[in-house]
N, C-alpha and C. Protein backbone atom coordinates (compact mmCIF):
# COMPACT_ATOMS: atom_id res chain seq x y z
N UNK A 1 76.91 -35.41 -86.59
CA UNK A 1 75.84 -34.54 -86.55
C UNK A 1 74.64 -35.14 -87.73
N UNK A 2 73.39 -35.56 -87.11
CA UNK A 2 72.56 -36.12 -88.16
C UNK A 2 71.98 -35.20 -89.03
N UNK A 3 71.57 -35.52 -90.16
CA UNK A 3 71.27 -34.88 -91.37
C UNK A 3 70.19 -33.92 -91.16
N UNK A 4 69.27 -34.35 -90.39
CA UNK A 4 68.15 -33.62 -90.22
C UNK A 4 67.76 -32.91 -88.94
N UNK A 5 69.09 -32.67 -88.39
CA UNK A 5 69.19 -32.15 -86.93
C UNK A 5 68.86 -30.48 -87.23
N UNK A 6 69.17 -30.06 -88.01
CA UNK A 6 69.10 -28.60 -88.11
C UNK A 6 67.92 -28.07 -89.00
N UNK A 7 67.17 -29.19 -89.44
CA UNK A 7 65.98 -28.70 -90.22
C UNK A 7 64.89 -28.10 -89.60
N UNK A 8 64.27 -27.13 -90.23
CA UNK A 8 63.17 -26.57 -89.69
C UNK A 8 61.94 -26.62 -90.74
N UNK A 9 60.81 -26.46 -90.41
CA UNK A 9 59.72 -26.47 -91.11
C UNK A 9 58.61 -25.56 -90.55
N UNK A 10 57.61 -25.18 -91.25
CA UNK A 10 56.56 -24.21 -90.95
C UNK A 10 55.24 -24.88 -91.24
N UNK A 11 54.23 -24.34 -90.54
CA UNK A 11 52.84 -24.66 -90.66
C UNK A 11 52.26 -23.34 -90.70
N UNK A 12 51.36 -22.80 -91.61
CA UNK A 12 50.76 -21.73 -91.57
C UNK A 12 49.25 -21.94 -91.68
N UNK A 13 48.57 -21.09 -90.92
CA UNK A 13 47.10 -21.24 -90.90
C UNK A 13 46.48 -19.69 -90.58
N UNK A 14 45.32 -19.51 -91.11
CA UNK A 14 44.83 -18.15 -90.58
C UNK A 14 44.05 -18.14 -89.47
N UNK A 15 44.00 -17.03 -88.88
CA UNK A 15 43.28 -16.83 -87.70
C UNK A 15 42.62 -15.62 -87.90
N UNK A 16 41.69 -15.19 -86.85
CA UNK A 16 40.73 -14.13 -86.97
C UNK A 16 41.55 -12.74 -87.08
N UNK A 17 40.73 -11.45 -87.62
CA UNK A 17 41.19 -10.23 -87.55
C UNK A 17 42.42 -10.34 -88.61
N UNK A 18 42.72 -11.07 -89.35
CA UNK A 18 43.73 -10.74 -90.49
C UNK A 18 45.10 -11.41 -89.96
N UNK A 19 45.07 -12.32 -89.00
CA UNK A 19 46.21 -12.73 -88.32
C UNK A 19 46.51 -13.90 -88.91
N UNK A 20 47.78 -14.44 -89.23
CA UNK A 20 48.26 -15.60 -89.51
C UNK A 20 48.99 -16.38 -88.49
N UNK A 21 48.49 -17.47 -88.36
CA UNK A 21 49.30 -18.12 -87.33
C UNK A 21 50.74 -19.01 -88.15
N UNK A 22 51.77 -18.78 -87.73
CA UNK A 22 53.12 -19.58 -88.24
C UNK A 22 53.49 -20.66 -87.02
N UNK A 23 53.48 -21.72 -87.25
CA UNK A 23 54.08 -22.59 -86.23
C UNK A 23 55.42 -22.99 -86.84
N UNK A 24 56.42 -23.06 -86.05
CA UNK A 24 57.74 -23.27 -86.34
C UNK A 24 58.11 -24.56 -85.77
N UNK A 25 58.43 -25.59 -86.66
CA UNK A 25 58.66 -27.09 -86.24
C UNK A 25 60.27 -27.29 -86.37
N UNK A 26 60.63 -27.31 -85.15
CA UNK A 26 62.22 -27.34 -85.13
C UNK A 26 62.79 -26.62 -84.34
N UNK A 27 64.15 -26.56 -83.94
CA UNK A 27 64.76 -25.73 -83.27
C UNK A 27 65.15 -24.16 -84.04
N UNK A 28 65.04 -23.19 -83.35
CA UNK A 28 65.65 -21.92 -83.86
C UNK A 28 66.68 -21.79 -83.58
N UNK A 29 67.78 -22.01 -84.46
CA UNK A 29 69.31 -21.82 -84.16
C UNK A 29 69.96 -21.11 -85.38
N UNK A 30 71.12 -20.94 -85.13
CA UNK A 30 71.80 -20.28 -86.26
C UNK A 30 71.62 -20.87 -87.77
N UNK A 31 71.59 -22.15 -87.66
CA UNK A 31 71.68 -22.90 -88.93
C UNK A 31 70.21 -22.89 -89.64
N UNK A 32 69.18 -22.72 -88.72
CA UNK A 32 67.94 -22.76 -89.32
C UNK A 32 67.42 -21.47 -89.46
N UNK A 33 68.08 -20.39 -89.03
CA UNK A 33 67.55 -18.97 -89.07
C UNK A 33 67.24 -18.35 -90.62
N UNK A 34 68.12 -18.75 -91.67
CA UNK A 34 67.94 -18.34 -92.95
C UNK A 34 66.46 -18.74 -93.35
N UNK A 35 66.03 -19.99 -93.06
CA UNK A 35 64.90 -20.46 -93.56
C UNK A 35 63.80 -19.76 -92.86
N UNK A 36 63.80 -19.31 -91.45
CA UNK A 36 62.83 -18.56 -90.75
C UNK A 36 62.77 -17.43 -91.29
N UNK A 37 63.57 -16.65 -91.53
CA UNK A 37 63.61 -15.20 -92.21
C UNK A 37 63.05 -15.20 -93.53
N UNK A 38 63.42 -16.10 -94.27
CA UNK A 38 62.62 -16.29 -95.58
C UNK A 38 61.34 -16.57 -95.49
N UNK A 39 60.84 -17.27 -94.68
CA UNK A 39 59.41 -17.48 -94.60
C UNK A 39 58.64 -16.33 -93.81
N UNK A 40 59.26 -15.53 -93.09
CA UNK A 40 58.69 -14.06 -92.62
C UNK A 40 58.68 -13.21 -93.81
N UNK A 41 59.73 -13.22 -94.81
CA UNK A 41 59.69 -12.35 -95.88
C UNK A 41 58.53 -12.83 -96.85
N UNK A 42 58.22 -14.23 -97.02
CA UNK A 42 57.19 -14.75 -97.79
C UNK A 42 55.96 -13.97 -97.22
N UNK A 43 55.87 -14.09 -95.88
CA UNK A 43 54.47 -13.66 -95.42
C UNK A 43 54.37 -12.18 -95.76
N UNK A 44 55.44 -11.30 -95.45
CA UNK A 44 55.38 -9.89 -95.84
C UNK A 44 55.10 -9.55 -97.18
N UNK A 45 55.68 -10.40 -98.20
CA UNK A 45 55.38 -10.07 -99.73
C UNK A 45 54.08 -10.48 -100.01
N UNK A 46 53.23 -11.27 -99.12
CA UNK A 46 51.85 -11.63 -99.35
C UNK A 46 51.05 -10.65 -98.54
N UNK A 47 51.56 -9.53 -98.03
CA UNK A 47 51.03 -8.71 -97.08
C UNK A 47 50.25 -9.02 -95.84
N UNK A 48 50.86 -10.25 -95.37
CA UNK A 48 50.56 -10.78 -94.18
C UNK A 48 51.42 -10.09 -93.21
N UNK A 49 51.06 -9.13 -92.41
CA UNK A 49 51.71 -8.54 -91.43
C UNK A 49 51.60 -8.72 -89.97
N UNK A 50 50.40 -9.32 -89.83
CA UNK A 50 50.08 -9.75 -88.54
C UNK A 50 50.31 -11.18 -88.26
N UNK A 51 51.37 -11.41 -87.49
CA UNK A 51 51.71 -12.87 -87.23
C UNK A 51 51.56 -13.21 -85.93
N UNK A 52 51.22 -14.52 -85.44
CA UNK A 52 51.21 -15.15 -84.37
C UNK A 52 52.23 -16.35 -84.47
N UNK A 53 53.24 -16.35 -83.77
CA UNK A 53 54.32 -17.29 -84.07
C UNK A 53 53.82 -18.52 -82.84
N UNK A 54 53.87 -19.38 -83.17
CA UNK A 54 53.23 -20.76 -82.43
C UNK A 54 54.59 -21.49 -82.25
N UNK A 55 55.19 -21.75 -80.98
CA UNK A 55 56.33 -22.31 -80.77
C UNK A 55 56.15 -23.58 -79.74
N UNK A 56 54.95 -24.43 -80.04
CA UNK A 56 54.60 -25.64 -79.50
C UNK A 56 55.66 -26.62 -79.71
N UNK A 57 55.86 -26.51 -81.11
CA UNK A 57 56.75 -27.50 -81.76
C UNK A 57 58.24 -27.17 -81.97
N UNK A 58 58.55 -26.27 -81.06
CA UNK A 58 59.94 -25.76 -80.96
C UNK A 58 60.70 -26.08 -79.66
N UNK A 59 61.73 -26.84 -79.54
CA UNK A 59 62.17 -27.13 -78.17
C UNK A 59 63.33 -26.13 -77.55
N UNK A 60 64.03 -25.61 -78.76
CA UNK A 60 65.09 -25.03 -78.22
C UNK A 60 65.36 -23.75 -79.11
N UNK A 61 65.80 -22.52 -78.45
CA UNK A 61 66.26 -21.45 -79.09
C UNK A 61 67.51 -20.75 -78.92
N UNK A 62 68.43 -20.49 -79.70
CA UNK A 62 69.85 -19.98 -79.14
C UNK A 62 69.73 -18.47 -79.39
N UNK A 63 70.75 -17.78 -79.15
CA UNK A 63 70.81 -16.15 -79.07
C UNK A 63 70.49 -15.75 -80.52
N UNK A 64 70.80 -16.42 -81.66
CA UNK A 64 70.65 -15.96 -83.01
C UNK A 64 68.99 -16.09 -83.04
N UNK A 65 68.25 -17.01 -82.37
CA UNK A 65 66.86 -17.12 -82.52
C UNK A 65 66.13 -16.22 -81.87
N UNK A 66 66.71 -15.68 -80.68
CA UNK A 66 66.21 -14.42 -79.98
C UNK A 66 66.39 -13.43 -80.86
N UNK A 67 67.39 -13.07 -81.25
CA UNK A 67 67.54 -11.90 -82.40
C UNK A 67 66.57 -12.05 -83.57
N UNK A 68 66.15 -13.34 -83.87
CA UNK A 68 65.21 -13.43 -84.93
C UNK A 68 63.80 -12.86 -84.62
N UNK A 69 63.23 -12.93 -83.14
CA UNK A 69 62.18 -12.44 -82.75
C UNK A 69 62.14 -10.85 -82.71
N UNK A 70 63.29 -10.23 -82.24
CA UNK A 70 63.51 -8.95 -82.30
C UNK A 70 63.47 -8.19 -83.71
N UNK A 71 64.12 -8.88 -84.55
CA UNK A 71 64.10 -8.27 -85.89
C UNK A 71 62.80 -8.43 -86.62
N UNK A 72 62.12 -9.63 -86.42
CA UNK A 72 60.91 -9.75 -86.96
C UNK A 72 59.93 -9.10 -86.36
N UNK A 73 59.81 -8.67 -84.96
CA UNK A 73 58.87 -7.57 -84.50
C UNK A 73 59.27 -6.19 -85.11
N UNK A 74 60.34 -5.75 -85.43
CA UNK A 74 60.66 -4.32 -85.80
C UNK A 74 60.02 -4.45 -87.25
N UNK A 75 60.42 -5.63 -88.00
CA UNK A 75 59.96 -5.46 -89.48
C UNK A 75 58.55 -5.41 -89.57
N UNK A 76 57.90 -6.25 -88.93
CA UNK A 76 56.25 -6.22 -88.81
C UNK A 76 55.69 -4.86 -88.35
N UNK A 77 56.31 -4.61 -87.41
CA UNK A 77 55.61 -2.99 -86.75
C UNK A 77 56.22 -1.94 -87.69
N UNK A 78 57.13 -2.07 -88.28
CA UNK A 78 57.57 -1.04 -89.44
C UNK A 78 56.58 -1.02 -90.65
N UNK A 79 55.70 -2.04 -90.64
CA UNK A 79 54.92 -2.10 -91.84
C UNK A 79 53.29 -1.88 -91.43
N UNK A 80 53.11 -1.70 -90.24
CA UNK A 80 51.98 -1.48 -89.45
C UNK A 80 51.37 -2.88 -88.96
N UNK A 81 52.34 -3.76 -88.94
CA UNK A 81 51.81 -5.08 -88.61
C UNK A 81 51.88 -5.43 -87.00
N UNK A 82 51.86 -6.63 -86.47
CA UNK A 82 52.07 -6.93 -85.23
C UNK A 82 52.60 -8.60 -85.26
N UNK A 83 53.20 -8.90 -83.96
CA UNK A 83 53.69 -10.10 -83.95
C UNK A 83 53.34 -10.41 -82.26
N UNK A 84 52.67 -11.70 -82.20
CA UNK A 84 52.41 -12.44 -80.85
C UNK A 84 53.14 -13.58 -80.80
N UNK A 85 53.63 -14.20 -79.53
CA UNK A 85 54.12 -15.56 -79.45
C UNK A 85 53.10 -16.16 -78.72
N UNK A 86 52.89 -17.61 -78.94
CA UNK A 86 52.14 -18.43 -78.35
C UNK A 86 52.89 -19.91 -77.97
N UNK A 87 52.42 -20.71 -76.74
CA UNK A 87 52.78 -21.94 -76.56
C UNK A 87 54.29 -22.00 -76.39
N UNK A 88 55.00 -20.98 -75.59
CA UNK A 88 56.53 -21.29 -75.40
C UNK A 88 56.67 -22.30 -74.20
N UNK A 89 57.52 -23.39 -74.19
CA UNK A 89 57.75 -24.28 -73.00
C UNK A 89 58.63 -23.47 -72.06
N UNK A 90 58.69 -24.05 -71.18
CA UNK A 90 59.31 -23.46 -69.77
C UNK A 90 60.64 -22.89 -70.11
N UNK A 91 61.45 -23.75 -70.78
CA UNK A 91 62.67 -23.39 -71.08
C UNK A 91 62.83 -22.16 -71.93
N UNK A 92 62.06 -21.99 -72.93
CA UNK A 92 62.28 -20.76 -73.75
C UNK A 92 61.61 -19.48 -73.05
N UNK A 93 60.48 -19.98 -72.34
CA UNK A 93 59.88 -18.67 -71.77
C UNK A 93 61.01 -18.01 -70.70
N UNK A 94 61.50 -19.03 -69.94
CA UNK A 94 62.74 -18.61 -68.89
C UNK A 94 63.81 -17.74 -69.56
N UNK A 95 64.19 -18.23 -70.99
CA UNK A 95 64.94 -17.19 -71.47
C UNK A 95 64.50 -16.05 -71.91
N UNK A 96 63.24 -16.00 -72.20
CA UNK A 96 62.73 -14.55 -72.48
C UNK A 96 62.57 -13.58 -71.18
N UNK A 97 62.33 -14.06 -70.30
CA UNK A 97 62.08 -13.59 -69.06
C UNK A 97 63.64 -13.02 -68.22
N UNK A 98 64.63 -14.02 -68.66
CA UNK A 98 65.94 -13.65 -68.16
C UNK A 98 66.45 -12.64 -69.01
N UNK A 99 66.36 -12.29 -70.16
CA UNK A 99 66.77 -10.95 -70.85
C UNK A 99 65.57 -10.07 -71.24
N UNK A 100 64.48 -10.16 -70.46
CA UNK A 100 63.45 -9.11 -70.18
C UNK A 100 62.89 -9.03 -71.83
N UNK A 101 62.76 -10.05 -72.77
CA UNK A 101 62.23 -10.13 -74.00
C UNK A 101 60.83 -10.14 -73.74
N UNK A 102 60.08 -10.95 -72.75
CA UNK A 102 58.74 -10.97 -72.42
C UNK A 102 58.18 -9.31 -72.46
N UNK A 103 58.86 -8.30 -72.03
CA UNK A 103 58.34 -7.02 -71.73
C UNK A 103 58.15 -6.39 -73.13
N UNK A 104 59.08 -6.84 -74.33
CA UNK A 104 59.03 -6.20 -75.48
C UNK A 104 57.99 -6.88 -76.53
N UNK A 105 57.97 -8.34 -76.29
CA UNK A 105 57.12 -9.17 -77.20
C UNK A 105 55.81 -9.83 -76.44
N UNK A 106 54.77 -9.64 -76.78
CA UNK A 106 53.52 -10.11 -76.40
C UNK A 106 53.65 -11.70 -76.42
N UNK A 107 53.60 -12.37 -75.26
CA UNK A 107 53.46 -13.87 -75.18
C UNK A 107 52.24 -14.18 -74.65
N UNK A 108 51.48 -15.28 -75.26
CA UNK A 108 50.52 -15.75 -74.61
C UNK A 108 50.60 -17.26 -74.56
N UNK A 109 49.59 -17.92 -73.58
CA UNK A 109 49.73 -19.42 -73.28
C UNK A 109 49.30 -20.19 -74.53
N UNK A 110 48.25 -19.60 -75.30
CA UNK A 110 47.81 -20.25 -76.48
C UNK A 110 47.07 -19.19 -77.38
N UNK A 111 46.38 -19.83 -78.42
CA UNK A 111 45.82 -18.87 -79.49
C UNK A 111 44.70 -18.13 -79.03
N UNK A 112 43.82 -18.96 -78.20
CA UNK A 112 42.74 -18.29 -77.84
C UNK A 112 42.98 -17.02 -76.93
N UNK A 113 43.96 -17.10 -76.16
CA UNK A 113 44.36 -16.08 -74.94
C UNK A 113 45.08 -15.04 -76.11
N UNK A 114 45.77 -15.34 -77.08
CA UNK A 114 46.09 -14.22 -78.09
C UNK A 114 45.18 -13.72 -78.81
N UNK A 115 44.16 -14.23 -79.40
CA UNK A 115 43.05 -13.89 -79.95
C UNK A 115 42.31 -12.69 -79.33
N UNK A 116 42.42 -12.83 -78.13
CA UNK A 116 41.63 -11.57 -77.13
C UNK A 116 42.41 -10.44 -77.36
N UNK A 117 43.46 -10.43 -77.59
CA UNK A 117 44.64 -9.23 -77.78
C UNK A 117 44.70 -8.93 -79.44
N UNK A 118 44.18 -9.43 -80.26
CA UNK A 118 44.37 -9.26 -81.70
C UNK A 118 43.75 -7.67 -81.82
N UNK A 119 44.61 -6.96 -82.65
CA UNK A 119 44.35 -5.62 -82.95
C UNK A 119 43.75 -5.43 -84.29
N UNK A 120 42.80 -4.89 -84.38
CA UNK A 120 42.19 -4.70 -85.75
C UNK A 120 42.94 -3.87 -86.66
């Protein structure tokens, strides 16, 4: 296993209506999950509760990664926040459809489409 194979990083930028865009760079798997959860907690600690997660730079998600999205959505909604996903590749979107996660989590093609659905 290569040293950086399980590394994950994040890029954060602000969007309109108080939303923050969090790009996940790398695969969301069991090994990278603690860093992702820590990043979400960091956002919550800064009162950033409206999050758009950009998966353009994520190629693969395992079952623990899928659980991360459900847990994050619950956590954000629990404090009056919101979560949207953008830029899913065909493989990841296929998994979301297979387990009907696209019925629970709002998914958009890009930030422009998502921003039309930002709640104040």
